[in-house]
Amino acid sequence: MRDRIRAGVAVFNDGHYHAAHDAWEDRWLELESGSDDERLLHGLIQYSGAVYHARERNWEGAVGLAESGGEYLADLPADYRDLRLEPVRSFLSRLAADPEIVERRSPVRLEHEDTVPGLTDLGFEPTAIAAVVLAEEFGYDEDPIDRTRGYAQQDLEAGEDGSKFITLLFDFVREDENRGIIYQRLTDHVGRRRAREEDVKGLF
């Protein structure tokens, strides 16, 4: 749960409002309806959706999501799951009353564990989640990303700190301007690793 929250928070804080909900959605769908965790993730998903629609000037959609997002978060503790919710609730209320506010000021960034994390602040697991989310958002094939994530995890567990897969996974998430080049390198490395694995299988 913590890694999912943090990944989505960082994606949101870096301005990828539409993509942020994907970091939370799979976990949200697994939760019991009405539980505190379900309401938290539901509220965050509605918040990201409300901001996205407001920035697209879909005022009606933004207002509806802002109102429902505020309702989901309304009764949760102020620092539930180490997220500061009061600023979010306050902004949702203002957004519901005046969706054009996003044209005058940036949405409230999410504070988690006493920081306002962006993509450059994430550890391995949240970065791996963010990589899949951003691949989907920007139209990259998710299979090489999933394989890079798996190889990076294997290398991390084997103590290979200099792993190219770990580096490429972090770079894919963090480097907006070079993401396409990094994706190509990542795909090439995945292809070579898979080829080596097939060669080894062929020996037995």
Protein backbone atom coordinates (compact mmCIF):
# COMPACT_ATOMS: atom_id res chain seq x y z
CA MET A 1 0.00 0.00 0.00
CA ARG A 2 2.76 2.44 0.94
CA ASP A 3 4.60 2.01 -2.36
CA ARG A 4 1.40 2.45 -4.37
CA ILE A 5 0.52 5.62 -2.50
CA ARG A 6 4.00 7.08 -2.86
CA ALA A 7 4.28 6.26 -6.57
CA GLY A 8 0.95 7.93 -7.34
CA VAL A 9 1.79 10.93 -5.18
CA ALA A 10 5.09 11.48 -7.02
CA VAL A 11 3.48 11.05 -10.45
CA PHE A 12 0.81 13.59 -9.45
CA ASN A 13 3.29 16.05 -7.96
CA ASP A 14 5.31 16.02 -11.17
CA GLY A 15 2.23 17.12 -13.08
CA HIS A 16 1.11 13.84 -14.66
CA TYR A 17 -2.41 14.20 -13.31
CA HIS A 18 -4.10 11.75 -15.64
CA ALA A 19 -1.47 9.08 -15.06
CA ALA A 20 -1.48 9.34 -11.27
CA HIS A 21 -4.73 7.42 -10.84
CA ASP A 22 -3.22 4.34 -12.50
CA ALA A 23 -0.75 3.97 -9.63
CA TRP A 24 -3.66 3.73 -7.19
CA GLU A 25 -6.42 2.06 -9.20
CA ASP A 26 -5.36 -1.62 -9.14
CA ARG A 27 -4.94 -1.56 -5.36
CA TRP A 28 -8.18 0.38 -4.91
CA LEU A 29 -10.14 -2.26 -6.84
CA GLU A 30 -8.88 -4.94 -4.46
CA LEU A 31 -10.10 -3.18 -1.32
CA GLU A 32 -13.35 -3.62 0.54
CA SER A 33 -15.81 -0.91 -0.44
CA GLY A 34 -16.17 1.70 2.27
CA SER A 35 -12.99 0.81 4.15
CA ASP A 36 -10.70 3.67 5.10
CA ASP A 37 -8.04 2.58 2.61
CA GLU A 38 -10.62 2.25 -0.15
CA ARG A 39 -11.98 5.73 0.56
CA LEU A 40 -8.47 7.17 0.63
CA LEU A 41 -7.50 5.77 -2.76
CA HIS A 42 -10.92 6.54 -4.21
CA GLY A 43 -10.59 10.12 -3.03
CA LEU A 44 -7.09 10.47 -4.47
CA ILE A 45 -8.25 9.02 -7.80
CA GLN A 46 -11.13 11.51 -7.86
CA TYR A 47 -8.70 14.34 -6.99
CA SER A 48 -6.37 13.51 -9.86
CA GLY A 49 -9.36 13.17 -12.19
CA ALA A 50 -10.86 16.47 -11.08
CA VAL A 51 -7.59 18.31 -11.69
CA TYR A 52 -7.14 16.65 -15.06
CA HIS A 53 -10.66 17.55 -16.21
CA ALA A 54 -10.32 21.13 -14.96
CA ARG A 55 -7.07 21.56 -16.88
CA GLU A 56 -8.89 20.22 -19.96
CA ARG A 57 -11.64 22.80 -19.29
CA ASN A 58 -14.24 20.11 -18.71
CA TRP A 59 -15.79 22.15 -15.91
CA GLU A 60 -18.77 19.88 -15.26
CA GLY A 61 -16.60 16.78 -14.98
CA ALA A 62 -14.14 18.58 -12.73
CA VAL A 63 -16.86 19.79 -10.36
CA GLY A 64 -18.47 16.35 -10.10
CA LEU A 65 -15.18 14.63 -9.31
CA ALA A 66 -14.10 17.34 -6.88
CA GLU A 67 -17.35 17.00 -4.96
CA SER A 68 -17.22 13.20 -4.79
CA GLY A 69 -13.49 13.20 -4.02
CA GLY A 70 -14.10 15.50 -1.09
CA GLU A 71 -16.84 13.20 0.18
CA TYR A 72 -14.56 10.13 0.07
CA LEU A 73 -11.83 11.92 2.02
CA ALA A 74 -14.11 13.83 4.39
CA ASP A 75 -14.07 11.58 7.45
CA LEU A 76 -10.51 10.26 7.26
CA PRO A 77 -7.90 11.39 9.81
CA ALA A 78 -5.92 14.47 8.80
CA ASP A 79 -2.72 12.45 8.33
CA TYR A 80 -4.10 9.11 7.23
CA ARG A 81 -1.42 6.78 5.81
CA ASP A 82 1.09 9.61 6.32
CA LEU A 83 -0.71 11.79 3.77
CA ARG A 84 -1.69 15.34 4.72
CA LEU A 85 -5.32 15.36 3.68
CA GLU A 86 -6.55 18.73 4.94
CA PRO A 87 -4.91 20.74 2.11
CA VAL A 88 -6.34 18.28 -0.42
CA ARG A 89 -9.84 18.49 1.05
CA SER A 90 -9.62 22.28 1.08
CA PHE A 91 -8.51 22.45 -2.55
CA LEU A 92 -11.21 20.00 -3.63
CA SER A 93 -13.80 22.26 -1.99
CA ARG A 94 -12.44 25.31 -3.82
CA LEU A 95 -12.23 23.36 -7.08
CA ALA A 96 -15.86 22.23 -6.76
CA ALA A 97 -16.95 25.84 -6.27
CA ASP A 98 -14.68 27.29 -8.96
CA PRO A 99 -13.07 24.77 -11.35
CA GLU A 100 -11.33 27.57 -13.23
CA ILE A 101 -9.05 27.97 -10.21
CA VAL A 102 -6.57 25.63 -11.91
CA GLU A 103 -5.98 28.32 -14.54
CA ARG A 104 -4.90 30.75 -11.83
CA ARG A 105 -2.92 28.48 -9.53
CA SER A 106 -1.41 25.02 -9.45
CA PRO A 107 -3.28 22.25 -7.64
CA VAL A 108 -2.18 21.44 -4.12
CA ARG A 109 0.74 19.04 -4.24
CA LEU A 110 0.49 15.92 -2.11
CA GLU A 111 2.55 15.66 1.05
CA HIS A 112 3.55 12.14 2.08
CA GLU A 113 5.71 11.18 5.05
CA ASP A 114 6.46 14.86 5.75
CA THR A 115 7.82 15.49 2.25
CA VAL A 116 6.38 16.48 -1.14
CA PRO A 117 7.96 13.73 -3.22
CA GLY A 118 8.51 13.90 -6.94
CA LEU A 119 9.71 11.17 -9.26
CA THR A 120 13.37 11.82 -8.41
CA ASP A 121 12.68 11.08 -4.74
CA LEU A 122 11.38 7.53 -5.11
CA GLY A 123 13.00 4.29 -4.01
CA PHE A 124 13.01 1.16 -6.11
CA GLU A 125 9.48 -0.22 -5.59
CA PRO A 126 7.59 3.06 -6.13
CA THR A 127 9.84 3.78 -9.13
CA ALA A 128 8.95 0.40 -10.63
CA ILE A 129 5.25 1.17 -10.21
CA ALA A 130 5.70 4.65 -11.69
CA ALA A 131 7.55 3.19 -14.69
CA VAL A 132 4.57 1.05 -15.69
CA VAL A 133 2.17 3.96 -15.11
CA LEU A 134 4.21 6.35 -17.25
CA ALA A 135 4.71 3.76 -19.99
CA GLU A 136 0.95 3.42 -20.31
CA GLU A 137 0.42 7.18 -20.15
CA PHE A 138 2.89 7.93 -22.94
CA GLY A 139 2.03 5.01 -25.19
CA TYR A 140 5.06 2.76 -24.69
CA ASP A 141 4.74 -1.01 -24.83
CA GLU A 142 4.56 -2.10 -21.21
CA ASP A 143 6.15 -5.52 -21.75
CA PRO A 144 9.78 -4.27 -21.91
CA ILE A 145 9.09 -2.15 -18.83
CA ASP A 146 7.71 -5.14 -16.94
CA ARG A 147 10.72 -7.22 -17.97
CA THR A 148 13.13 -4.45 -16.98
CA ARG A 149 11.40 -4.29 -13.62
CA GLY A 150 11.80 -8.04 -13.16
CA TYR A 151 15.47 -8.05 -14.18
CA ALA A 152 16.16 -5.04 -11.97
CA GLN A 153 14.54 -6.84 -9.03
CA GLN A 154 16.67 -9.92 -9.66
CA ASP A 155 19.83 -7.83 -9.87
CA LEU A 156 18.91 -5.91 -6.73
CA GLU A 157 18.38 -9.13 -4.80
CA ALA A 158 21.71 -10.44 -6.13
CA GLY A 159 23.47 -7.32 -4.86
CA GLU A 160 24.34 -6.03 -8.34
CA ASP A 161 24.27 -2.31 -7.55
CA GLY A 162 25.68 -1.46 -10.98
CA SER A 163 22.82 -3.16 -12.80
CA LYS A 164 21.93 -1.50 -16.11
CA PHE A 165 18.32 -2.52 -15.58
CA ILE A 166 18.08 -0.69 -12.26
CA THR A 167 19.67 2.41 -13.82
CA LEU A 168 17.44 2.32 -16.90
CA LEU A 169 14.29 1.88 -14.82
CA PHE A 170 15.12 4.93 -12.71
CA ASP A 171 16.15 6.95 -15.78
CA PHE A 172 12.93 6.08 -17.63
CA VAL A 173 10.89 7.48 -14.75
CA ARG A 174 13.02 10.52 -13.99
CA GLU A 175 14.12 11.87 -17.36
CA ASP A 176 11.14 13.30 -19.20
CA GLU A 177 13.12 14.76 -22.09
CA ASN A 178 15.10 11.57 -22.77
CA ARG A 179 12.38 9.01 -22.07
CA GLY A 180 12.14 7.83 -25.68
CA ILE A 181 15.88 7.22 -25.99
CA ILE A 182 15.98 5.49 -22.61
CA TYR A 183 13.05 3.28 -23.62
CA GLN A 184 14.94 2.18 -26.73
CA ARG A 185 18.05 1.35 -24.71
CA LEU A 186 15.94 -0.46 -22.18
CA THR A 187 14.26 -2.51 -24.91
CA ASP A 188 17.65 -3.39 -26.42
CA HIS A 189 19.03 -4.57 -23.06
CA VAL A 190 15.91 -6.63 -22.41
CA GLY A 191 16.29 -8.28 -25.82
CA ARG A 192 19.92 -9.16 -25.17
CA ARG A 193 19.18 -10.55 -21.71
CA ARG A 194 16.34 -12.67 -23.03
CA ALA A 195 18.56 -13.97 -25.82
CA ARG A 196 21.22 -15.01 -23.27
CA GLU A 197 18.57 -16.76 -21.19
CA GLU A 198 17.33 -18.65 -24.24
CA ASP A 199 20.91 -19.65 -25.12
CA VAL A 200 21.36 -21.07 -21.62
CA LYS A 201 18.08 -22.97 -21.83
CA GLY A 202 19.20 -24.45 -25.11
CA LEU A 203 22.21 -26.05 -23.42
CA PHE A 204 20.07 -28.33 -21.25
